[in-house]
């Protein structure tokens, strides 16, 4: 299991080694907004609780330098927190923030603003600094993020497909946080937790290695269902009446999701899925190939919840005989990008586009 904890997100994948020494994904990659930035965001929210609703956007605009200074100090303090640390921690607050609190809260000083906030009794203001006990600091800023990471890992390990996972590799800058390391080690008993010396650089090194050997991962698991929008013949017994649409005298069903690869399906590197389509309009000069993804394994229509448009390719139709125009739309899977090609078979001209799917 690779636990990549970066600035914005936590991304978790599980692989097994194949006989040819390549790696194969076992379950779809998953994760959430539990990177180091979530701790920073909680601190900004804390300051906003003191200075007033939606105040930090105004403060940032007016005092950008001081805002960045507060952020830098929090970053230094955040990195100093370890499981063993006790006592108090403090962060120096610029005079501009103190004055901003007074004006925004309509109070006489910063302690009075704290008294009106949800953090009364948790933080103190003294000699230009905000002070917490280390325990409160961990509780307020780290706990929710760490609980989310550990909870997701525990949930994944309950899956029978990966319950026999032997090792957990922690990479990414936030993996260097001792609190996160301790939480994962304590909760994932029986698993070997591996933390590189430069966990933050491990992702970069891996990307370089993968660039030299893109077939190192031979199979991936589809995170979504990928498909194309189609307009098949309307069938009253199959389609709802609300989807009926008349085109050139023919009844069509609009917004149908035609699946190419389904969520959870194993995808070998270089897998291609071609499909042949005809123009929807008899006098059309352009064929639109719209590619969609869905969280559902078996989506029916492109306007369902959890369905999103990746993009649309526009294919010029140079053959003036609509009855003979055929376009081959091919989706190429199994790499870090989804590649889509639409080829007019009458002219052999193609349009190619890629979507980043990491």
Protein backbone atom coordinates (compact mmCIF):
# COMPACT_ATOMS: atom_id res chain seq x y z
CA UNK A 1 0.00 0.00 0.00
CA UNK A 2 1.38 3.41 -1.01
CA UNK A 3 0.09 6.29 1.11
CA UNK A 4 0.96 9.53 -0.70
CA UNK A 5 0.33 12.46 1.64
CA UNK A 6 0.98 15.69 -0.21
CA UNK A 7 -0.02 19.27 0.34
CA UNK A 8 -3.59 19.06 -0.87
CA UNK A 9 -4.67 15.42 -0.84
CA UNK A 10 -4.02 11.95 0.48
CA UNK A 11 -3.82 9.44 -2.38
CA UNK A 12 -3.74 5.75 -1.58
CA UNK A 13 -3.02 2.86 -3.94
CA UNK A 14 -2.44 -0.84 -3.40
CA UNK A 15 -0.22 -2.94 -5.68
CA UNK A 16 1.07 -6.46 -5.89
CA UNK A 17 4.19 -7.66 -7.69
CA UNK A 18 3.59 -9.77 -10.79
CA UNK A 19 5.75 -12.65 -12.03
CA UNK A 20 7.39 -10.36 -14.60
CA UNK A 21 8.36 -7.98 -11.74
CA UNK A 22 5.91 -5.29 -12.82
CA UNK A 23 3.28 -3.91 -10.45
CA UNK A 24 -0.46 -4.41 -10.70
CA UNK A 25 -3.10 -2.28 -8.98
CA UNK A 26 -5.47 -4.33 -6.84
CA UNK A 27 -8.19 -1.77 -6.07
CA UNK A 28 -8.95 1.67 -7.53
CA UNK A 29 -6.85 4.54 -6.20
CA UNK A 30 -8.67 6.47 -3.48
CA UNK A 31 -8.16 9.20 -0.92
CA UNK A 32 -9.44 12.60 0.10
CA UNK A 33 -8.56 16.23 0.98
CA UNK A 34 -6.35 15.21 3.90
CA UNK A 35 -2.98 16.66 2.94
CA UNK A 36 -0.88 19.12 4.91
CA UNK A 37 -2.93 22.03 3.57
CA UNK A 38 -5.98 20.80 5.49
CA UNK A 39 -4.07 21.51 8.72
CA UNK A 40 -3.18 24.98 7.43
CA UNK A 41 -6.79 25.63 6.44
CA UNK A 42 -7.92 24.69 9.93
CA UNK A 43 -5.52 27.27 11.37
CA UNK A 44 -6.84 29.98 9.03
CA UNK A 45 -10.36 28.99 10.10
CA UNK A 46 -9.23 29.31 13.73
CA UNK A 47 -8.01 32.87 13.11
CA UNK A 48 -11.27 33.64 11.36
CA UNK A 49 -13.21 32.43 14.40
CA UNK A 50 -11.34 35.05 16.41
CA UNK A 51 -11.42 37.93 13.93
CA UNK A 52 -14.95 37.38 12.61
CA UNK A 53 -16.83 35.53 9.83
CA UNK A 54 -15.17 35.63 6.39
CA UNK A 55 -12.60 38.07 7.76
CA UNK A 56 -9.37 36.37 6.69
CA UNK A 57 -10.01 37.01 3.00
CA UNK A 58 -10.20 40.73 3.79
CA UNK A 59 -7.14 40.56 6.02
CA UNK A 60 -5.14 38.74 3.36
CA UNK A 61 -6.05 41.34 0.74
CA UNK A 62 -5.16 44.26 3.02
CA UNK A 63 -2.10 42.84 4.79
CA UNK A 64 -0.65 40.22 2.45
CA UNK A 65 2.88 40.39 3.89
CA UNK A 66 1.66 39.93 7.48
CA UNK A 67 -0.69 37.15 6.40
CA UNK A 68 2.22 35.26 4.84
CA UNK A 69 4.30 35.88 7.95
CA UNK A 70 1.61 34.30 10.15
CA UNK A 71 1.42 31.37 7.75
CA UNK A 72 5.21 30.88 7.81
CA UNK A 73 5.27 30.91 11.60
CA UNK A 74 2.48 28.35 11.75
CA UNK A 75 4.38 26.13 9.30
CA UNK A 76 7.49 26.21 11.51
CA UNK A 77 5.44 25.49 14.64
CA UNK A 78 3.48 22.73 12.89
CA UNK A 79 6.68 20.94 11.91
CA UNK A 80 7.98 21.09 15.48
CA UNK A 81 5.05 19.10 16.90
CA UNK A 82 5.95 15.50 17.76
CA UNK A 83 4.10 12.82 19.74
CA UNK A 84 6.51 13.30 22.65
CA UNK A 85 6.31 17.10 22.80
CA UNK A 86 4.56 18.64 25.82
CA UNK A 87 4.13 22.09 27.33
CA UNK A 88 3.03 25.10 25.32
CA UNK A 89 3.47 26.44 21.80
CA UNK A 90 3.07 30.01 20.61
CA UNK A 91 2.88 31.98 17.39
CA UNK A 92 3.71 35.66 17.15
CA UNK A 93 0.83 37.70 15.78
CA UNK A 94 1.46 40.95 13.83
CA UNK A 95 0.04 44.15 15.25
CA UNK A 96 -2.02 44.53 12.09
CA UNK A 97 -4.01 41.38 12.97
CA UNK A 98 -4.64 42.62 16.52
CA UNK A 99 -5.93 45.93 15.19
CA UNK A 100 -7.96 44.12 12.53
CA UNK A 101 -9.66 41.98 15.21
CA UNK A 102 -10.51 45.04 17.27
CA UNK A 103 -12.06 46.85 14.33
CA UNK A 104 -13.85 43.85 12.88
CA UNK A 105 -15.18 42.51 16.18
CA UNK A 106 -15.82 45.96 17.65
CA UNK A 107 -13.93 45.04 20.82
CA UNK A 108 -11.22 46.81 22.82
CA UNK A 109 -8.44 44.22 22.39
CA UNK A 110 -7.47 40.75 21.11
CA UNK A 111 -8.28 38.89 24.37
CA UNK A 112 -11.82 40.30 24.15
CA UNK A 113 -12.11 38.96 20.59
CA UNK A 114 -11.01 35.52 21.82
CA UNK A 115 -13.64 35.66 24.56
CA UNK A 116 -16.32 36.10 21.88
CA UNK A 117 -15.00 33.21 19.79
CA UNK A 118 -15.63 29.43 20.09
CA UNK A 119 -12.05 29.09 21.37
CA UNK A 120 -12.52 30.82 24.69
CA UNK A 121 -10.31 29.09 27.26
CA UNK A 122 -8.40 27.15 24.60
CA UNK A 123 -6.00 29.86 23.41
CA UNK A 124 -4.45 32.83 25.16
CA UNK A 125 -3.10 36.09 23.82
CA UNK A 126 -0.08 37.42 25.66
CA UNK A 127 2.73 39.78 24.68
CA UNK A 128 1.85 39.69 20.99
CA UNK A 129 1.56 35.90 20.78
CA UNK A 130 -1.20 33.30 20.59
CA UNK A 131 -0.47 30.45 23.00
CA UNK A 132 -1.87 26.91 23.23
CA UNK A 133 -0.97 23.80 25.13
CA UNK A 134 0.59 21.23 22.81
CA UNK A 135 -2.33 18.87 23.43
CA UNK A 136 -4.87 21.48 22.34
CA UNK A 137 -2.74 22.36 19.31
CA UNK A 138 -2.77 18.73 18.20
CA UNK A 139 -6.49 18.41 18.89
CA UNK A 140 -7.54 21.56 17.05
CA UNK A 141 -5.34 21.40 13.97
CA UNK A 142 -4.20 17.80 13.41
CA UNK A 143 -6.74 15.37 14.83
CA UNK A 144 -9.47 15.57 12.18
CA UNK A 145 -7.02 15.17 9.29
CA UNK A 146 -5.13 12.28 10.90
CA UNK A 147 -8.36 10.52 11.88
CA UNK A 148 -9.57 10.78 8.27
CA UNK A 149 -6.33 9.30 6.89
CA UNK A 150 -6.17 6.44 9.38
CA UNK A 151 -9.90 5.74 9.11
CA UNK A 152 -9.67 5.46 5.33
CA UNK A 153 -6.68 3.11 5.53
CA UNK A 154 -8.49 0.90 8.07
CA UNK A 155 -11.56 0.82 5.82
CA UNK A 156 -9.45 -0.21 2.82
CA UNK A 157 -7.70 -2.99 4.73
CA UNK A 158 -11.07 -4.56 5.53
CA UNK A 159 -11.46 -5.33 1.82
CA UNK A 160 -10.77 -9.05 1.35
CA UNK A 161 -8.76 -8.28 -1.82
CA UNK A 162 -6.09 -6.40 0.13
CA UNK A 163 -6.51 -7.59 3.73
CA UNK A 164 -3.20 -9.47 3.42
CA UNK A 165 -1.26 -6.29 2.61
CA UNK A 166 2.20 -6.70 4.12
CA UNK A 167 3.70 -3.22 3.90
CA UNK A 168 2.61 0.41 3.93
CA UNK A 169 4.90 2.88 2.17
CA UNK A 170 4.44 6.50 3.27
CA UNK A 171 5.55 9.16 0.77
CA UNK A 172 4.87 12.85 0.18
CA UNK A 173 5.74 15.88 2.30
CA UNK A 174 3.00 15.40 4.89
CA UNK A 175 4.23 11.84 5.49
CA UNK A 176 7.18 13.41 7.29
CA UNK A 177 4.82 14.55 10.07
CA UNK A 178 5.63 12.47 13.17
CA UNK A 179 2.02 12.60 14.39
CA UNK A 180 0.78 11.02 11.17
CA UNK A 181 3.52 8.40 11.25
CA UNK A 182 2.72 7.41 14.83
CA UNK A 183 -1.03 7.18 14.15
CA UNK A 184 -0.58 4.87 11.15
CA UNK A 185 1.97 2.67 12.94
CA UNK A 186 -0.31 2.32 15.98
CA UNK A 187 -3.47 1.56 14.00
CA UNK A 188 -1.95 -0.70 11.35
CA UNK A 189 -0.48 -3.34 13.62
CA UNK A 190 1.01 -6.30 11.82
CA UNK A 191 1.90 -4.18 8.79
CA UNK A 192 5.43 -3.02 8.05
CA UNK A 193 5.35 0.78 7.77
CA UNK A 194 8.15 2.10 5.54
CA UNK A 195 9.03 5.81 5.65
CA UNK A 196 11.85 6.97 3.30
CA UNK A 197 14.36 9.47 4.66
CA UNK A 198 13.19 12.04 2.09
CA UNK A 199 9.51 11.13 1.91
CA UNK A 200 8.75 14.46 0.25
CA UNK A 201 11.18 13.73 -2.61
CA UNK A 202 10.17 10.10 -3.03
CA UNK A 203 7.22 11.05 -5.25
CA UNK A 204 9.47 13.09 -7.55
CA UNK A 205 12.02 10.27 -7.75
CA UNK A 206 9.24 7.80 -8.52
CA UNK A 207 7.89 10.04 -11.28
CA UNK A 208 11.33 10.19 -12.90
CA UNK A 209 11.70 6.42 -12.65
CA UNK A 210 8.23 5.91 -14.12
CA UNK A 211 9.10 8.27 -16.98
CA UNK A 212 11.98 5.97 -17.90
CA UNK A 213 9.90 2.81 -17.47
CA UNK A 214 6.18 3.57 -18.04
CA UNK A 215 5.38 -0.15 -18.13
CA UNK A 216 6.52 -0.62 -14.52
CA UNK A 217 2.83 -0.62 -13.61
CA UNK A 218 1.31 -3.17 -15.98
CA UNK A 219 -2.32 -2.98 -14.84
CA UNK A 220 -4.44 -0.30 -13.23
CA UNK A 221 -7.97 -0.40 -11.85
CA UNK A 222 -10.49 2.06 -13.29
CA UNK A 223 -11.48 4.69 -10.72
CA UNK A 224 -14.56 5.61 -12.76
CA UNK A 225 -16.78 4.32 -15.51
CA UNK A 226 -15.67 5.94 -18.78
CA UNK A 227 -18.05 6.36 -21.66
CA UNK A 228 -19.38 8.36 -24.58
CA UNK A 229 -22.64 10.22 -25.05
CA UNK A 230 -24.87 8.48 -27.62
CA UNK A 231 -28.34 8.99 -29.13
CA UNK A 232 -29.77 5.52 -29.85
CA UNK A 233 -33.19 4.79 -31.31
CA UNK A 234 -35.89 5.58 -28.75
CA UNK A 235 -37.59 2.49 -27.33
CA UNK A 236 -40.68 3.13 -25.17
CA UNK A 237 -40.13 -0.06 -23.17
CA UNK A 238 -36.54 0.89 -22.36
CA UNK A 239 -36.28 4.67 -22.26
CA UNK A 240 -38.25 7.29 -20.27
CA UNK A 241 -40.51 9.55 -22.33
CA UNK A 242 -38.64 12.62 -21.04
CA UNK A 243 -35.60 11.48 -23.04
CA UNK A 244 -37.43 11.24 -26.36
CA UNK A 245 -36.09 13.59 -29.03
CA UNK A 246 -36.98 13.91 -32.72
CA UNK A 247 -34.07 14.24 -35.16
CA UNK A 248 -34.58 14.21 -38.94
CA UNK A 249 -37.91 12.42 -38.50
CA UNK A 250 -36.50 9.71 -36.23
CA UNK A 251 -37.19 9.22 -32.51
CA UNK A 252 -33.97 9.22 -30.51
CA UNK A 253 -33.13 8.82 -26.84
CA UNK A 254 -30.94 11.70 -25.74
CA UNK A 255 -28.16 11.76 -23.12
CA UNK A 256 -27.46 8.01 -23.10
CA UNK A 257 -24.20 7.01 -21.38
CA UNK A 258 -22.47 4.37 -23.52
CA UNK A 259 -19.87 2.70 -21.22
CA UNK A 260 -16.44 1.86 -22.61
CA UNK A 261 -14.69 0.82 -19.37
CA UNK A 262 -16.51 0.25 -16.09
CA UNK A 263 -15.44 1.31 -12.62
CA UNK A 264 -13.32 -1.40 -10.95
CA UNK A 265 -12.33 -3.01 -14.25
CA UNK A 266 -8.66 -3.98 -14.57
CA UNK A 267 -6.95 -2.10 -17.38
CA UNK A 268 -3.66 -3.30 -18.94
CA UNK A 269 -1.24 -0.68 -20.23
CA UNK A 270 -2.14 0.35 -23.77
CA UNK A 271 -5.70 -1.01 -23.72
CA UNK A 272 -7.73 0.49 -26.58
CA UNK A 273 -11.49 0.40 -27.03
CA UNK A 274 -12.68 1.44 -30.53
CA UNK A 275 -16.32 2.10 -31.38
CA UNK A 276 -17.83 3.18 -34.70
CA UNK A 277 -20.50 5.91 -34.81
CA UNK A 278 -22.44 7.72 -37.51
CA UNK A 279 -23.32 11.43 -37.53
CA UNK A 280 -26.53 12.27 -35.72
CA UNK A 281 -27.75 14.82 -38.26
CA UNK A 282 -28.03 13.97 -41.95
CA UNK A 283 -26.73 17.39 -43.00
CA UNK A 284 -24.24 17.73 -40.20
CA UNK A 285 -20.73 18.97 -40.97
CA UNK A 286 -19.34 18.12 -37.54
CA UNK A 287 -19.49 15.09 -35.25
CA UNK A 288 -19.17 15.76 -31.53
CA UNK A 289 -17.51 13.07 -29.41
CA UNK A 290 -18.27 13.80 -25.75
CA UNK A 291 -16.39 11.72 -23.16
CA UNK A 292 -17.90 11.30 -19.69
CA UNK A 293 -16.93 9.69 -16.39
CA UNK A 294 -19.24 8.40 -13.67
CA UNK A 295 -18.86 7.24 -10.07
CA UNK A 296 -21.50 4.61 -10.81
CA UNK A 297 -20.51 1.22 -12.19
CA UNK A 298 -23.53 1.11 -14.51
CA UNK A 299 -24.68 4.65 -15.40
CA UNK A 300 -27.57 5.03 -17.81
CA UNK A 301 -27.61 8.74 -18.67
CA UNK A 302 -25.02 11.52 -18.71
CA UNK A 303 -27.13 13.84 -16.53
CA UNK A 304 -27.20 11.46 -13.57
CA UNK A 305 -25.64 12.45 -10.25
CA UNK A 306 -21.92 11.63 -10.14
CA UNK A 307 -21.51 11.93 -13.91
CA UNK A 308 -19.15 14.57 -15.32
CA UNK A 309 -18.02 15.69 -18.76
CA UNK A 310 -14.29 15.18 -19.38
CA UNK A 311 -14.30 16.92 -22.73
CA UNK A 312 -15.63 17.00 -26.28
CA UNK A 313 -13.81 16.35 -29.56
CA UNK A 314 -15.18 18.01 -32.69
CA UNK A 315 -14.57 16.00 -35.85
CA UNK A 316 -15.07 17.82 -39.21
CA UNK A 317 -17.00 15.64 -41.67
CA UNK A 318 -15.51 16.20 -45.11
CA UNK A 319 -17.43 13.42 -46.87
CA UNK A 320 -20.61 15.01 -48.25
CA UNK A 321 -22.56 11.73 -48.42
CA UNK A 322 -23.99 11.43 -44.85
CA UNK A 323 -25.10 7.85 -45.43
CA UNK A 324 -21.50 6.75 -45.88
CA UNK A 325 -19.85 8.71 -43.07
CA UNK A 326 -18.49 6.61 -40.22
CA UNK A 327 -16.30 7.82 -37.37
CA UNK A 328 -14.20 5.48 -35.27
CA UNK A 329 -13.84 6.74 -31.71
CA UNK A 330 -11.08 5.02 -29.73
CA UNK A 331 -10.25 5.40 -26.06
CA UNK A 332 -6.76 4.36 -24.92
CA UNK A 333 -6.43 3.37 -21.26
CA UNK A 334 -3.89 2.06 -18.77
CA UNK A 335 -1.53 5.03 -18.56
CA UNK A 336 -1.50 8.26 -16.55
CA UNK A 337 -3.59 9.90 -19.25
CA UNK A 338 -6.74 8.89 -21.09
CA UNK A 339 -6.18 9.37 -24.82
CA UNK A 340 -9.11 9.74 -27.19
CA UNK A 341 -8.92 9.54 -30.97
CA UNK A 342 -11.76 10.23 -33.38
CA UNK A 343 -11.08 9.13 -36.99
CA UNK A 344 -13.22 9.85 -40.05
CA UNK A 345 -13.00 6.47 -41.85
CA UNK A 346 -13.89 7.99 -45.21
CA UNK A 347 -10.88 10.34 -45.17
CA UNK A 348 -8.71 8.62 -42.53
CA UNK A 349 -8.21 11.99 -40.84
CA UNK A 350 -8.08 11.87 -37.04
CA UNK A 351 -8.27 14.21 -34.08
CA UNK A 352 -6.42 13.25 -30.91
CA UNK A 353 -6.80 14.52 -27.35
CA UNK A 354 -5.58 13.49 -23.89
CA UNK A 355 -7.11 13.87 -20.43
CA UNK A 356 -5.02 13.79 -17.25
CA UNK A 357 -6.66 11.11 -15.06
CA UNK A 358 -4.27 11.03 -12.08
